[in-house]
PDB file of N, CA and C in Angstrom:
ATOM      1  N   MET A   1      16.939 -56.003 -23.407  1.00  0.00           N
ATOM      2  CA  MET A   1      17.337 -55.416 -22.532  1.00  0.00           C
ATOM      3  C   MET A   1      17.535 -54.080 -23.124  1.00  0.00           C
ATOM      4  N   LEU A   2      18.115 -52.989 -22.566  1.00  0.00           N
ATOM      5  CA  LEU A   2      18.303 -51.778 -22.833  1.00  0.00           C
ATOM      6  C   LEU A   2      19.792 -51.608 -22.292  1.00  0.00           C
ATOM      7  N   TYR A   3      20.383 -51.067 -23.222  1.00  0.00           N
ATOM      8  CA  TYR A   3      22.028 -50.909 -22.982  1.00  0.00           C
ATOM      9  C   TYR A   3      23.063 -50.073 -23.305  1.00  0.00           C
ATOM     10  N   GLN A   4      21.881 -48.684 -24.602  1.00  0.00           N
ATOM     11  CA  GLN A   4      22.666 -47.638 -24.663  1.00  0.00           C
ATOM     12  C   GLN A   4      22.013 -46.590 -25.068  1.00  0.00           C
ATOM     13  N   ILE A   5      22.088 -45.299 -25.365  1.00  0.00           N
ATOM     14  CA  ILE A   5      21.107 -44.457 -25.311  1.00  0.00           C
ATOM     15  C   ILE A   5      22.023 -43.025 -26.396  1.00  0.00           C
ATOM     16  N   HIS A   6      21.622 -42.921 -27.355  1.00  0.00           N
ATOM     17  CA  HIS A   6      22.158 -42.345 -28.211  1.00  0.00           C
ATOM     18  C   HIS A   6      21.457 -40.620 -28.633  1.00  0.00           C
ATOM     19  N   PRO A   7      21.088 -39.414 -27.854  1.00  0.00           N
ATOM     20  CA  PRO A   7      20.418 -38.649 -28.306  1.00  0.00           C
ATOM     21  C   PRO A   7      20.662 -38.105 -29.112  1.00  0.00           C
ATOM     22  N   LYS A   8      19.196 -37.424 -29.607  1.00  0.00           N
ATOM     23  CA  LYS A   8      19.488 -36.660 -31.282  1.00  0.00           C
ATOM     24  C   LYS A   8      19.126 -35.294 -30.901  1.00  0.00           C
ATOM     25  N   LEU A   9      20.035 -34.374 -31.376  1.00  0.00           N
ATOM     26  CA  LEU A   9      19.192 -33.101 -31.544  1.00  0.00           C
ATOM     27  C   LEU A   9      19.579 -32.479 -32.390  1.00  0.00           C
ATOM     28  N   PRO A  10      18.863 -30.845 -32.674  1.00  0.00           N
ATOM     29  CA  PRO A  10      18.692 -30.400 -33.983  1.00  0.00           C
ATOM     30  C   PRO A  10      20.086 -29.522 -33.941  1.00  0.00           C
ATOM     31  N   MET A  11      20.212 -29.505 -35.469  1.00  0.00           N
ATOM     32  CA  MET A  11      21.478 -28.244 -35.853  1.00  0.00           C
ATOM     33  C   MET A  11      21.262 -27.612 -36.821  1.00  0.00           C
ATOM     34  N   ARG A  12      21.415 -26.051 -36.970  1.00  0.00           N
ATOM     35  CA  ARG A  12      21.287 -25.423 -38.320  1.00  0.00           C
ATOM     36  C   ARG A  12      22.525 -25.928 -39.138  1.00  0.00           C
ATOM     37  N   ASN A  13      23.734 -26.299 -38.955  1.00  0.00           N
ATOM     38  CA  ASN A  13      24.968 -25.861 -39.935  1.00  0.00           C
ATOM     39  C   ASN A  13      25.902 -27.093 -39.021  1.00  0.00           C
ATOM     40  N   LYS A  14      26.275 -27.979 -40.123  1.00  0.00           N
ATOM     41  CA  LYS A  14      26.395 -29.323 -39.897  1.00  0.00           C
ATOM     42  C   LYS A  14      28.207 -29.209 -39.511  1.00  0.00           C
ATOM     43  N   ALA A  15      28.471 -28.330 -40.441  1.00  0.00           N
ATOM     44  CA  ALA A  15      29.677 -28.169 -40.101  1.00  0.00           C
ATOM     45  C   ALA A  15      30.491 -26.731 -38.802  1.00  0.00           C
ATOM     46  N   GLN A  16      29.651 -26.386 -38.553  1.00  0.00           N
ATOM     47  CA  GLN A  16      29.808 -25.357 -37.007  1.00  0.00           C
ATOM     48  C   GLN A  16      29.343 -26.537 -36.326  1.00  0.00           C
ATOM     49  N   THR A  17      28.325 -27.290 -36.056  1.00  0.00           N
ATOM     50  CA  THR A  17      28.284 -28.375 -34.972  1.00  0.00           C
ATOM     51  C   THR A  17      29.492 -29.455 -35.059  1.00  0.00           C
ATOM     52  N   LEU A  18      30.201 -29.902 -36.149  1.00  0.00           N
ATOM     53  CA  LEU A  18      31.074 -30.495 -36.143  1.00  0.00           C
ATOM     54  C   LEU A  18      32.391 -29.849 -35.411  1.00  0.00           C
ATOM     55  N   GLN A  19      32.441 -28.740 -36.231  1.00  0.00           N
ATOM     56  CA  GLN A  19      33.808 -27.784 -35.396  1.00  0.00           C
ATOM     57  C   GLN A  19      33.819 -27.455 -33.621  1.00  0.00           C
ATOM     58  N   TYR A  20      32.426 -27.078 -33.149  1.00  0.00           N
ATOM     59  CA  TYR A  20      32.237 -27.075 -31.641  1.00  0.00           C
ATOM     60  C   TYR A  20      32.876 -28.328 -31.450  1.00  0.00           C
ATOM     61  N   TYR A  21      32.172 -29.502 -31.633  1.00  0.00           N
ATOM     62  CA  TYR A  21      31.902 -30.703 -31.051  1.00  0.00           C
ATOM     63  C   TYR A  21      33.424 -31.263 -30.589  1.00  0.00           C
ATOM     64  N   ARG A  22      34.065 -31.273 -31.842  1.00  0.00           N
ATOM     65  CA  ARG A  22      35.434 -31.697 -31.882  1.00  0.00           C
ATOM     66  C   ARG A  22      36.420 -30.759 -30.996  1.00  0.00           C
ATOM     67  N   GLN A  23      35.759 -29.173 -30.606  1.00  0.00           N
ATOM     68  CA  GLN A  23      36.516 -28.807 -30.008  1.00  0.00           C
ATOM     69  C   GLN A  23      36.204 -29.457 -28.172  1.00  0.00           C
ATOM     70  N   LEU A  24      35.266 -30.430 -27.729  1.00  0.00           N
ATOM     71  CA  LEU A  24      34.991 -31.078 -26.918  1.00  0.00           C
ATOM     72  C   LEU A  24      35.699 -32.268 -26.999  1.00  0.00           C
ATOM     73  N   GLY A  25      36.282 -32.517 -28.266  1.00  0.00           N
ATOM     74  CA  GLY A  25      37.287 -34.069 -28.180  1.00  0.00           C
ATOM     75  C   GLY A  25      35.815 -34.982 -28.868  1.00  0.00           C
ATOM     76  N   PHE A  26      34.997 -34.422 -29.323  1.00  0.00           N
ATOM     77  CA  PHE A  26      34.039 -35.763 -30.104  1.00  0.00           C
ATOM     78  C   PHE A  26      34.716 -35.725 -31.513  1.00  0.00           C
ATOM     79  N   GLU A  27      34.739 -36.818 -32.262  1.00  0.00           N
ATOM     80  CA  GLU A  27      34.770 -37.530 -33.043  1.00  0.00           C
ATOM     81  C   GLU A  27      33.757 -37.333 -33.983  1.00  0.00           C
ATOM     82  N   PRO A  28      33.926 -37.732 -35.718  1.00  0.00           N
ATOM     83  CA  PRO A  28      32.657 -38.089 -35.886  1.00  0.00           C
ATOM     84  C   PRO A  28      32.718 -39.863 -36.192  1.00  0.00           C
ATOM     85  N   THR A  29      31.566 -40.534 -36.169  1.00  0.00           N
ATOM     86  CA  THR A  29      31.111 -41.894 -36.555  1.00  0.00           C
ATOM     87  C   THR A  29      30.402 -42.089 -37.943  1.00  0.00           C
ATOM     88  N   GLY A  30      29.769 -41.161 -37.839  1.00  0.00           N
ATOM     89  CA  GLY A  30      29.044 -40.797 -39.081  1.00  0.00           C
ATOM     90  C   GLY A  30      28.313 -39.648 -39.623  1.00  0.00           C
ATOM     91  N   ASP A  31      28.694 -39.165 -41.226  1.00  0.00           N
ATOM     92  CA  ASP A  31      28.488 -38.229 -41.457  1.00  0.00           C
ATOM     93  C   ASP A  31      27.733 -38.332 -42.806  1.00  0.00           C
ATOM     94  N   TYR A  32      26.541 -37.806 -42.743  1.00  0.00           N
ATOM     95  CA  TYR A  32      25.274 -38.138 -44.184  1.00  0.00           C
ATOM     96  C   TYR A  32      24.953 -36.638 -44.086  1.00  0.00           C
ATOM     97  N   ASP A  33      24.123 -36.642 -45.311  1.00  0.00           N
ATOM     98  CA  ASP A  33      23.489 -35.071 -45.874  1.00  0.00           C
ATOM     99  C   ASP A  33      23.112 -34.745 -44.467  1.00  0.00           C
ATOM    100  N   ALA A  34      22.342 -34.750 -44.147  1.00  0.00           N
ATOM    101  CA  ALA A  34      21.259 -33.910 -43.115  1.00  0.00           C
ATOM    102  C   ALA A  34      21.465 -34.958 -41.688  1.00  0.00           C
ATOM    103  N   TYR A  35      22.548 -35.804 -41.431  1.00  0.00           N
ATOM    104  CA  TYR A  35      22.479 -36.360 -40.602  1.00  0.00           C
ATOM    105  C   TYR A  35      24.250 -36.374 -39.821  1.00  0.00           C
ATOM    106  N   LEU A  36      24.349 -36.109 -38.754  1.00  0.00           N
ATOM    107  CA  LEU A  36      25.645 -36.207 -38.158  1.00  0.00           C
ATOM    108  C   LEU A  36      25.986 -37.184 -36.881  1.00  0.00           C
ATOM    109  N   MET A  37      26.858 -38.187 -36.713  1.00  0.00           N
ATOM    110  CA  MET A  37      27.052 -38.882 -35.513  1.00  0.00           C
ATOM    111  C   MET A  37      28.577 -38.652 -34.929  1.00  0.00           C
ATOM    112  N   LEU A  38      28.296 -38.285 -33.239  1.00  0.00           N
ATOM    113  CA  LEU A  38      29.542 -37.843 -33.009  1.00  0.00           C
ATOM    114  C   LEU A  38      29.999 -38.959 -31.467  1.00  0.00           C
ATOM    115  N   GLN A  39      31.462 -38.954 -31.261  1.00  0.00           N
ATOM    116  CA  GLN A  39      31.705 -39.440 -30.201  1.00  0.00           C
ATOM    117  C   GLN A  39      32.633 -39.236 -29.350  1.00  0.00           C
ATOM    118  N   LYS A  40      32.505 -39.310 -28.103  1.00  0.00           N
ATOM    119  CA  LYS A  40      33.740 -39.188 -27.254  1.00  0.00           C
ATOM    120  C   LYS A  40      33.692 -39.899 -26.070  1.00  0.00           C
ATOM    121  N   ASP A  41      34.500 -40.886 -25.861  1.00  0.00           N
ATOM    122  CA  ASP A  41      34.884 -42.110 -25.113  1.00  0.00           C
ATOM    123  C   ASP A  41      33.485 -42.692 -25.378  1.00  0.00           C
ATOM    124  N   GLN A  42      32.650 -43.423 -24.267  1.00  0.00           N
ATOM    125  CA  GLN A  42      31.368 -43.842 -24.749  1.00  0.00           C
ATOM    126  C   GLN A  42      30.195 -42.982 -24.716  1.00  0.00           C
ATOM    127  N   ILE A  43      30.617 -41.658 -25.041  1.00  0.00           N
ATOM    128  CA  ILE A  43      29.119 -41.111 -25.308  1.00  0.00           C
ATOM    129  C   ILE A  43      28.964 -40.911 -26.647  1.00  0.00           C
ATOM    130  N   GLU A  44      28.159 -41.130 -27.332  1.00  0.00           N
ATOM    131  CA  GLU A  44      27.145 -40.884 -28.903  1.00  0.00           C
ATOM    132  C   GLU A  44      26.193 -40.189 -28.917  1.00  0.00           C
ATOM    133  N   ILE A  45      26.414 -38.621 -29.670  1.00  0.00           N
ATOM    134  CA  ILE A  45      25.592 -37.906 -29.734  1.00  0.00           C
ATOM    135  C   ILE A  45      24.796 -37.821 -31.293  1.00  0.00           C
ATOM    136  N   HIS A  46      23.578 -38.054 -31.708  1.00  0.00           N
ATOM    137  CA  HIS A  46      23.495 -37.680 -32.920  1.00  0.00           C
ATOM    138  C   HIS A  46      22.660 -36.275 -32.882  1.00  0.00           C
ATOM    139  N   PHE A  47      22.874 -35.831 -34.721  1.00  0.00           N
ATOM    140  CA  PHE A  47      22.564 -34.438 -34.536  1.00  0.00           C
ATOM    141  C   PHE A  47      21.974 -34.632 -36.264  1.00  0.00           C
ATOM    142  N   PHE A  48      20.609 -34.222 -36.595  1.00  0.00           N
ATOM    143  CA  PHE A  48      19.839 -33.723 -37.619  1.00  0.00           C
ATOM    144  C   PHE A  48      19.186 -33.079 -37.930  1.00  0.00           C
ATOM    145  N   ALA A  49      19.315 -32.536 -39.373  1.00  0.00           N
ATOM    146  CA  ALA A  49      19.302 -30.833 -39.819  1.00  0.00           C
ATOM    147  C   ALA A  49      18.240 -30.150 -39.473  1.00  0.00           C
ATOM    148  N   PHE A  50      18.170 -29.442 -38.942  1.00  0.00           N
ATOM    149  CA  PHE A  50      17.019 -28.417 -38.947  1.00  0.00           C
ATOM    150  C   PHE A  50      17.845 -26.784 -39.180  1.00  0.00           C
ATOM    151  N   PRO A  51      17.548 -26.877 -40.274  1.00  0.00           N
ATOM    152  CA  PRO A  51      18.076 -25.215 -40.620  1.00  0.00           C
ATOM    153  C   PRO A  51      17.292 -24.172 -40.328  1.00  0.00           C
ATOM    154  N   ASP A  52      16.047 -24.342 -40.540  1.00  0.00           N
ATOM    155  CA  ASP A  52      14.882 -23.231 -39.799  1.00  0.00           C
ATOM    156  C   ASP A  52      14.922 -23.451 -38.219  1.00  0.00           C
ATOM    157  N   LEU A  53      15.767 -23.866 -37.701  1.00  0.00           N
ATOM    158  CA  LEU A  53      15.900 -23.837 -35.963  1.00  0.00           C
ATOM    159  C   LEU A  53      15.709 -22.337 -35.397  1.00  0.00           C
ATOM    160  N   ASN A  54      15.375 -21.944 -34.498  1.00  0.00           N
ATOM    161  CA  ASN A  54      15.907 -20.909 -34.048  1.00  0.00           C
ATOM    162  C   ASN A  54      16.121 -21.010 -32.929  1.00  0.00           C
ATOM    163  N   PRO A  55      17.434 -21.235 -32.158  1.00  0.00           N
ATOM    164  CA  PRO A  55      18.149 -21.349 -31.169  1.00  0.00           C
ATOM    165  C   PRO A  55      17.742 -20.661 -30.043  1.00  0.00           C
ATOM    166  N   HIS A  56      16.931 -19.756 -30.036  1.00  0.00           N
ATOM    167  CA  HIS A  56      16.695 -19.502 -28.161  1.00  0.00           C
ATOM    168  C   HIS A  56      15.146 -20.109 -28.100  1.00  0.00           C
ATOM    169  N   GLU A  57      14.646 -20.805 -28.956  1.00  0.00           N
ATOM    170  CA  GLU A  57      13.263 -21.348 -28.573  1.00  0.00           C
ATOM    171  C   GLU A  57      13.946 -23.190 -28.672  1.00  0.00           C
ATOM    172  N   ASN A  58      15.154 -23.148 -28.680  1.00  0.00           N
ATOM    173  CA  ASN A  58      15.620 -24.726 -28.647  1.00  0.00           C
ATOM    174  C   ASN A  58      15.736 -24.980 -27.180  1.00  0.00           C
ATOM    175  N   ASP A  59      14.882 -26.226 -27.139  1.00  0.00           N
ATOM    176  CA  ASP A  59      14.872 -26.920 -25.831  1.00  0.00           C
ATOM    177  C   ASP A  59      15.438 -28.165 -25.671  1.00  0.00           C
ATOM    178  N   GLY A  60      16.822 -28.197 -26.625  1.00  0.00           N
ATOM    179  CA  GLY A  60      17.661 -29.735 -26.917  1.00  0.00           C
ATOM    180  C   GLY A  60      18.439 -29.531 -25.289  1.00  0.00           C
ATOM    181  N   GLN A  61      18.223 -30.923 -24.370  1.00  0.00           N
ATOM    182  CA  GLN A  61      19.475 -31.213 -23.720  1.00  0.00           C
ATOM    183  C   GLN A  61      19.836 -32.631 -23.538  1.00  0.00           C
ATOM    184  N   VAL A  62      21.382 -32.983 -23.083  1.00  0.00           N
ATOM    185  CA  VAL A  62      21.321 -34.114 -22.696  1.00  0.00           C
ATOM    186  C   VAL A  62      22.260 -33.303 -21.393  1.00  0.00           C
ATOM    187  N   TYR A  63      21.957 -34.639 -20.472  1.00  0.00           N
ATOM    188  CA  TYR A  63      22.954 -34.881 -19.362  1.00  0.00           C
ATOM    189  C   TYR A  63      24.131 -35.878 -19.271  1.00  0.00           C
ATOM    190  N   ILE A  64      25.065 -35.508 -19.293  1.00  0.00           N
ATOM    191  CA  ILE A  64      26.220 -36.586 -19.836  1.00  0.00           C
ATOM    192  C   ILE A  64      27.480 -36.883 -18.392  1.00  0.00           C
ATOM    193  N   ARG A  65      27.159 -38.128 -17.797  1.00  0.00           N
ATOM    194  CA  ARG A  65      28.104 -38.313 -16.762  1.00  0.00           C
ATOM    195  C   ARG A  65      29.437 -38.370 -16.749  1.00  0.00           C
ATOM    196  N   THR A  66      30.144 -37.868 -16.026  1.00  0.00           N
ATOM    197  CA  THR A  66      31.618 -38.177 -16.116  1.00  0.00           C
ATOM    198  C   THR A  66      32.516 -38.881 -14.998  1.00  0.00           C
ATOM    199  N   ASP A  67      33.384 -39.203 -14.715  1.00  0.00           N
ATOM    200  CA  ASP A  67      34.140 -39.474 -13.137  1.00  0.00           C
ATOM    201  C   ASP A  67      35.216 -38.238 -13.119  1.00  0.00           C
ATOM    202  N   GLN A  68      35.439 -37.597 -14.076  1.00  0.00           N
ATOM    203  CA  GLN A  68      36.542 -36.370 -14.019  1.00  0.00           C
ATOM    204  C   GLN A  68      36.219 -34.873 -14.096  1.00  0.00           C
ATOM    205  N   ILE A  69      35.161 -34.784 -13.531  1.00  0.00           N
ATOM    206  CA  ILE A  69      34.926 -33.373 -13.530  1.00  0.00           C
ATOM    207  C   ILE A  69      35.748 -32.399 -13.512  1.00  0.00           C
ATOM    208  N   ASP A  70      36.124 -32.316 -12.709  1.00  0.00           N
ATOM    209  CA  ASP A  70      37.014 -31.552 -12.804  1.00  0.00           C
ATOM    210  C   ASP A  70      38.335 -30.868 -13.714  1.00  0.00           C
ATOM    211  N   ALA A  71      38.762 -32.311 -14.206  1.00  0.00           N
ATOM    212  CA  ALA A  71      39.437 -31.902 -15.124  1.00  0.00           C
ATOM    213  C   ALA A  71      39.184 -31.756 -16.388  1.00  0.00           C
ATOM    214  N   LEU A  72      38.083 -32.480 -16.464  1.00  0.00           N
ATOM    215  CA  LEU A  72      37.006 -31.561 -18.060  1.00  0.00           C
ATOM    216  C   LEU A  72      36.739 -30.383 -17.868  1.00  0.00           C
ATOM    217  N   TYR A  73      36.216 -29.788 -16.655  1.00  0.00           N
ATOM    218  CA  TYR A  73      35.806 -28.414 -16.717  1.00  0.00           C
ATOM    219  C   TYR A  73      37.088 -27.274 -16.987  1.00  0.00           C
ATOM    220  N   GLN A  74      38.070 -27.785 -16.475  1.00  0.00           N
ATOM    221  CA  GLN A  74      39.600 -27.289 -16.450  1.00  0.00           C
ATOM    222  C   GLN A  74      39.897 -27.273 -17.514  1.00  0.00           C
ATOM    223  N   SER A  75      39.948 -28.456 -18.616  1.00  0.00           N
ATOM    224  CA  SER A  75      40.347 -28.224 -19.863  1.00  0.00           C
ATOM    225  C   SER A  75      39.543 -27.555 -20.733  1.00  0.00           C
ATOM    226  N   LEU A  76      38.221 -27.090 -20.644  1.00  0.00           N
ATOM    227  CA  LEU A  76      37.250 -26.790 -21.248  1.00  0.00           C
ATOM    228  C   LEU A  76      37.277 -25.204 -21.029  1.00  0.00           C
ATOM    229  N   VAL A  77      38.046 -25.069 -19.952  1.00  0.00           N
ATOM    230  CA  VAL A  77      38.212 -23.570 -19.835  1.00  0.00           C
ATOM    231  C   VAL A  77      39.196 -22.783 -20.196  1.00  0.00           C
ATOM    232  N   ASP A  78      40.322 -23.839 -20.178  1.00  0.00           N
ATOM    233  CA  ASP A  78      41.911 -23.699 -20.968  1.00  0.00           C
ATOM    234  C   ASP A  78      41.855 -23.414 -22.053  1.00  0.00           C
ATOM    235  N   GLN A  79      40.209 -23.826 -22.672  1.00  0.00           N
ATOM    236  CA  GLN A  79      40.367 -24.033 -24.101  1.00  0.00           C
ATOM    237  C   GLN A  79      39.392 -22.532 -24.559  1.00  0.00           C
ATOM    238  N   ASN A  80      39.252 -22.134 -23.515  1.00  0.00           N
ATOM    239  CA  ASN A  80      38.251 -20.958 -23.527  1.00  0.00           C
ATOM    240  C   ASN A  80      37.121 -21.318 -24.398  1.00  0.00           C
ATOM    241  N   ILE A  81      36.212 -22.291 -24.077  1.00  0.00           N
ATOM    242  CA  ILE A  81      34.934 -22.995 -24.470  1.00  0.00           C
ATOM    243  C   ILE A  81      34.202 -22.116 -23.465  1.00  0.00           C
ATOM    244  N   ALA A  82      33.270 -21.440 -23.649  1.00  0.00           N
ATOM    245  CA  ALA A  82      32.411 -20.531 -23.042  1.00  0.00           C
ATOM    246  C   ALA A  82      31.058 -21.748 -22.388  1.00  0.00           C
ATOM    247  N   ILE A  83      31.317 -21.077 -20.839  1.00  0.00           N
ATOM    248  CA  ILE A  83      30.574 -21.930 -19.667  1.00  0.00           C
ATOM    249  C   ILE A  83      28.970 -21.336 -20.124  1.00  0.00           C
ATOM    250  N   HIS A  84      27.850 -21.980 -19.710  1.00  0.00           N
ATOM    251  CA  HIS A  84      26.529 -21.365 -19.825  1.00  0.00           C
ATOM    252  C   HIS A  84      26.613 -20.263 -18.204  1.00  0.00           C
ATOM    253  N   PRO A  85      26.297 -18.932 -18.840  1.00  0.00           N
ATOM    254  CA  PRO A  85      26.212 -18.233 -17.313  1.00  0.00           C
ATOM    255  C   PRO A  85      25.250 -18.674 -16.041  1.00  0.00           C
ATOM    256  N   ASN A  86      24.779 -19.630 -16.173  1.00  0.00           N
ATOM    257  CA  ASN A  86      24.329 -20.332 -15.089  1.00  0.00           C
ATOM    258  C   ASN A  86      24.582 -21.409 -14.935  1.00  0.00           C
ATOM    259  N   GLY A  87      25.621 -21.962 -15.529  1.00  0.00           N
ATOM    260  CA  GLY A  87      25.987 -23.395 -15.618  1.00  0.00           C
ATOM    261  C   GLY A  87      27.344 -23.746 -14.972  1.00  0.00           C
ATOM    262  N   HIS A  88      28.021 -22.738 -14.275  1.00  0.00           N
ATOM    263  CA  HIS A  88      29.346 -22.752 -13.794  1.00  0.00           C
ATOM    264  C   HIS A  88      29.746 -24.054 -12.907  1.00  0.00           C
ATOM    265  N   LEU A  89      30.700 -24.750 -13.065  1.00  0.00           N
ATOM    266  CA  LEU A  89      31.153 -25.740 -11.942  1.00  0.00           C
ATOM    267  C   LEU A  89      30.646 -25.756 -10.279  1.00  0.00           C
ATOM    268  N   GLU A  90      29.395 -26.287  -9.676  1.00  0.00           N
ATOM    269  CA  GLU A  90      29.125 -26.099  -8.347  1.00  0.00           C
ATOM    270  C   GLU A  90      28.273 -27.605  -8.127  1.00  0.00           C
ATOM    271  N   ILE A  91      28.374 -27.440  -6.774  1.00  0.00           N
ATOM    272  CA  ILE A  91      27.655 -28.926  -5.972  1.00  0.00           C
ATOM    273  C   ILE A  91      26.047 -28.544  -6.124  1.00  0.00           C
ATOM    274  N   LYS A  92      25.988 -29.409  -6.245  1.00  0.00           N
ATOM    275  CA  LYS A  92      24.105 -29.448  -6.831  1.00  0.00           C
ATOM    276  C   LYS A  92      23.605 -30.304  -5.386  1.00  0.00           C
ATOM    277  N   PRO A  93      22.253 -29.358  -4.693  1.00  0.00           N
ATOM    278  CA  PRO A  93      21.919 -30.087  -3.495  1.00  0.00           C
ATOM    279  C   PRO A  93      21.326 -31.691  -4.108  1.00  0.00           C
ATOM    280  N   TRP A  94      21.285 -32.075  -4.697  1.00  0.00           N
ATOM    281  CA  TRP A  94      20.885 -33.791  -5.670  1.00  0.00           C
ATOM    282  C   TRP A  94      22.142 -34.415  -5.549  1.00  0.00           C
ATOM    283  N   GLY A  95      23.080 -34.051  -4.880  1.00  0.00           N
ATOM    284  CA  GLY A  95      24.412 -34.858  -5.080  1.00  0.00           C
ATOM    285  C   GLY A  95      25.367 -35.173  -6.080  1.00  0.00           C
ATOM    286  N   GLN A  96      25.087 -33.910  -7.009  1.00  0.00           N
ATOM    287  CA  GLN A  96      25.880 -33.557  -8.252  1.00  0.00           C
ATOM    288  C   GLN A  96      27.006 -32.846  -8.259  1.00  0.00           C
ATOM    289  N   LYS A  97      27.878 -32.819  -8.508  1.00  0.00           N
ATOM    290  CA  LYS A  97      28.788 -31.570  -9.219  1.00  0.00           C
ATOM    291  C   LYS A  97      28.559 -31.315 -10.509  1.00  0.00           C
ATOM    292  N   GLU A  98      28.020 -30.176 -11.016  1.00  0.00           N
ATOM    293  CA  GLU A  98      28.209 -30.113 -12.435  1.00  0.00           C
ATOM    294  C   GLU A  98      28.374 -29.023 -13.028  1.00  0.00           C
ATOM    295  N   PHE A  99      28.360 -28.912 -14.571  1.00  0.00           N
ATOM    296  CA  PHE A  99      28.457 -27.915 -15.301  1.00  0.00           C
ATOM    297  C   PHE A  99      27.539 -27.745 -16.442  1.00  0.00           C
ATOM    298  N   SER A 100      27.249 -26.745 -17.289  1.00  0.00           N
ATOM    299  CA  SER A 100      26.590 -26.616 -18.045  1.00  0.00           C
ATOM    300  C   SER A 100      27.450 -25.630 -19.280  1.00  0.00           C
ATOM    301  N   LEU A 101      27.124 -26.414 -20.862  1.00  0.00           N
ATOM    302  CA  LEU A 101      27.611 -25.486 -22.151  1.00  0.00           C
ATOM    303  C   LEU A 101      25.867 -25.608 -22.701  1.00  0.00           C
ATOM    304  N   LEU A 102      26.126 -24.013 -24.035  1.00  0.00           N
ATOM    305  CA  LEU A 102      25.267 -24.406 -24.492  1.00  0.00           C
ATOM    306  C   LEU A 102      26.192 -24.417 -26.067  1.00  0.00           C
ATOM    307  N   ASP A 103      25.672 -25.217 -27.098  1.00  0.00           N
ATOM    308  CA  ASP A 103      26.448 -25.514 -28.634  1.00  0.00           C
ATOM    309  C   ASP A 103      25.559 -24.386 -29.593  1.00  0.00           C
ATOM    310  N   PRO A 104      26.050 -24.230 -30.217  1.00  0.00           N
ATOM    311  CA  PRO A 104      26.332 -23.385 -31.217  1.00  0.00           C
ATOM    312  C   PRO A 104      24.650 -22.885 -31.509  1.00  0.00           C
ATOM    313  N   ASP A 105      23.846 -24.514 -31.757  1.00  0.00           N
ATOM    314  CA  ASP A 105      22.217 -23.896 -31.794  1.00  0.00           C
ATOM    315  C   ASP A 105      21.520 -23.927 -30.278  1.00  0.00           C
ATOM    316  N   HIS A 106      22.295 -23.804 -29.078  1.00  0.00           N
ATOM    317  CA  HIS A 106      21.583 -23.748 -27.925  1.00  0.00           C
ATOM    318  C   HIS A 106      20.854 -25.302 -27.460  1.00  0.00           C
ATOM    319  N   ASN A 107      21.495 -26.312 -27.749  1.00  0.00           N
ATOM    320  CA  ASN A 107      21.629 -27.292 -27.044  1.00  0.00           C
ATOM    321  C   ASN A 107      22.541 -27.886 -25.713  1.00  0.00           C
ATOM    322  N   LEU A 108      21.611 -27.765 -24.943  1.00  0.00           N
ATOM    323  CA  LEU A 108      22.507 -27.233 -23.218  1.00  0.00           C
ATOM    324  C   LEU A 108      22.972 -29.029 -23.070  1.00  0.00           C
ATOM    325  N   LEU A 109      24.192 -28.998 -22.732  1.00  0.00           N
ATOM    326  CA  LEU A 109      24.730 -29.921 -22.279  1.00  0.00           C
ATOM    327  C   LEU A 109      25.264 -29.929 -20.651  1.00  0.00           C
ATOM    328  N   THR A 110      24.980 -30.705 -19.824  1.00  0.00           N
ATOM    329  CA  THR A 110      24.922 -30.684 -18.467  1.00  0.00           C
ATOM    330  C   THR A 110      25.620 -31.715 -18.477  1.00  0.00           C
ATOM    331  N   PHE A 111      27.349 -31.248 -17.791  1.00  0.00           N
ATOM    332  CA  PHE A 111      28.060 -32.542 -17.404  1.00  0.00           C
ATOM    333  C   PHE A 111      27.945 -33.097 -15.675  1.00  0.00           C
ATOM    334  N   GLY A 112      27.815 -33.993 -15.472  1.00  0.00           N
ATOM    335  CA  GLY A 112      28.021 -34.267 -13.924  1.00  0.00           C
ATOM    336  C   GLY A 112      28.489 -35.543 -13.531  1.00  0.00           C
ATOM    337  N   GLN A 113      29.001 -35.009 -12.175  1.00  0.00           N
ATOM    338  CA  GLN A 113      29.711 -36.222 -10.885  1.00  0.00           C
ATOM    339  C   GLN A 113      28.816 -36.666 -10.204  1.00  0.00           C
ATOM    340  N   SER A 114      28.247 -37.637  -9.706  1.00  0.00           N
ATOM    341  CA  SER A 114      27.921 -38.156  -8.505  1.00  0.00           C
ATOM    342  C   SER A 114      29.088 -37.730  -7.333  1.00  0.00           C
ATOM    343  N   ILE A 115      28.721 -36.901  -6.292  1.00  0.00           N
ATOM    344  CA  ILE A 115      29.529 -36.581  -5.050  1.00  0.00           C
ATOM    345  C   ILE A 115      29.137 -37.457  -3.719  1.00  0.00           C
ATOM    346  N   GLY A 116      27.685 -37.667  -3.684  1.00  0.00           N
ATOM    347  CA  GLY A 116      26.833 -37.801  -2.715  1.00  0.00           C
ATOM    348  C   GLY A 116      26.064 -39.548  -2.998  1.00  0.00           C
ATOM    349  N   SER A 117      25.315 -39.286  -2.041  1.00  0.00           N
ATOM    350  CA  SER A 117      24.652 -40.756  -1.825  1.00  0.00           C
ATOM    351  C   SER A 117      22.868 -40.063  -2.290  1.00  0.00           C
ATOM    352  N   GLY A 118      23.113 -38.839  -3.040  1.00  0.00           N
ATOM    353  CA  GLY A 118      21.446 -38.243  -3.145  1.00  0.00           C
ATOM    354  C   GLY A 118      20.996 -37.009  -2.454  1.00  0.00           C
ATOM    355  N   TYR A 119      19.728 -36.598  -2.524  1.00  0.00           N
ATOM    356  CA  TYR A 119      19.133 -35.557  -2.102  1.00  0.00           C
ATOM    357  C   TYR A 119      20.134 -34.866  -0.582  1.00  0.00           C
ATOM    358  N   ALA A 120      20.113 -33.482  -0.774  1.00  0.00           N
ATOM    359  CA  ALA A 120      20.536 -33.275   0.196  1.00  0.00           C
ATOM    360  C   ALA A 120      19.368 -32.987   1.391  1.00  0.00           C
ATOM    361  N   GLU A 121      19.981 -32.877   2.848  1.00  0.00           N
ATOM    362  CA  GLU A 121      18.837 -33.181   4.136  1.00  0.00           C
ATOM    363  C   GLU A 121      18.629 -31.958   4.490  1.00  0.00           C
TER     364      GLU A 121
END
């Protein structure tokens, strides 16, 4: 039986990654030479060292479901966390209210909350 998933994303600089994700409310659960594990609520994200990563060629993406999308979005805006230019809070045709962030390595974090029963008609 499958019961959890912990995405692994690339990072160029562990200190920078840790600082960014702490602003989002994540705390470390494991910190090793070339590996970092961070958690917030029930979400855990792992990072592996990739010092030669070109962030503009990084396709790392994670979709995170929440049940408090408006409060989360507002808290990040209040902290001046940059929202992805094409990822401001909006209702999508597939029944999700979403917004997106890019971390320092251009890993795309999309946060979503279900507001409907599926695809728009």
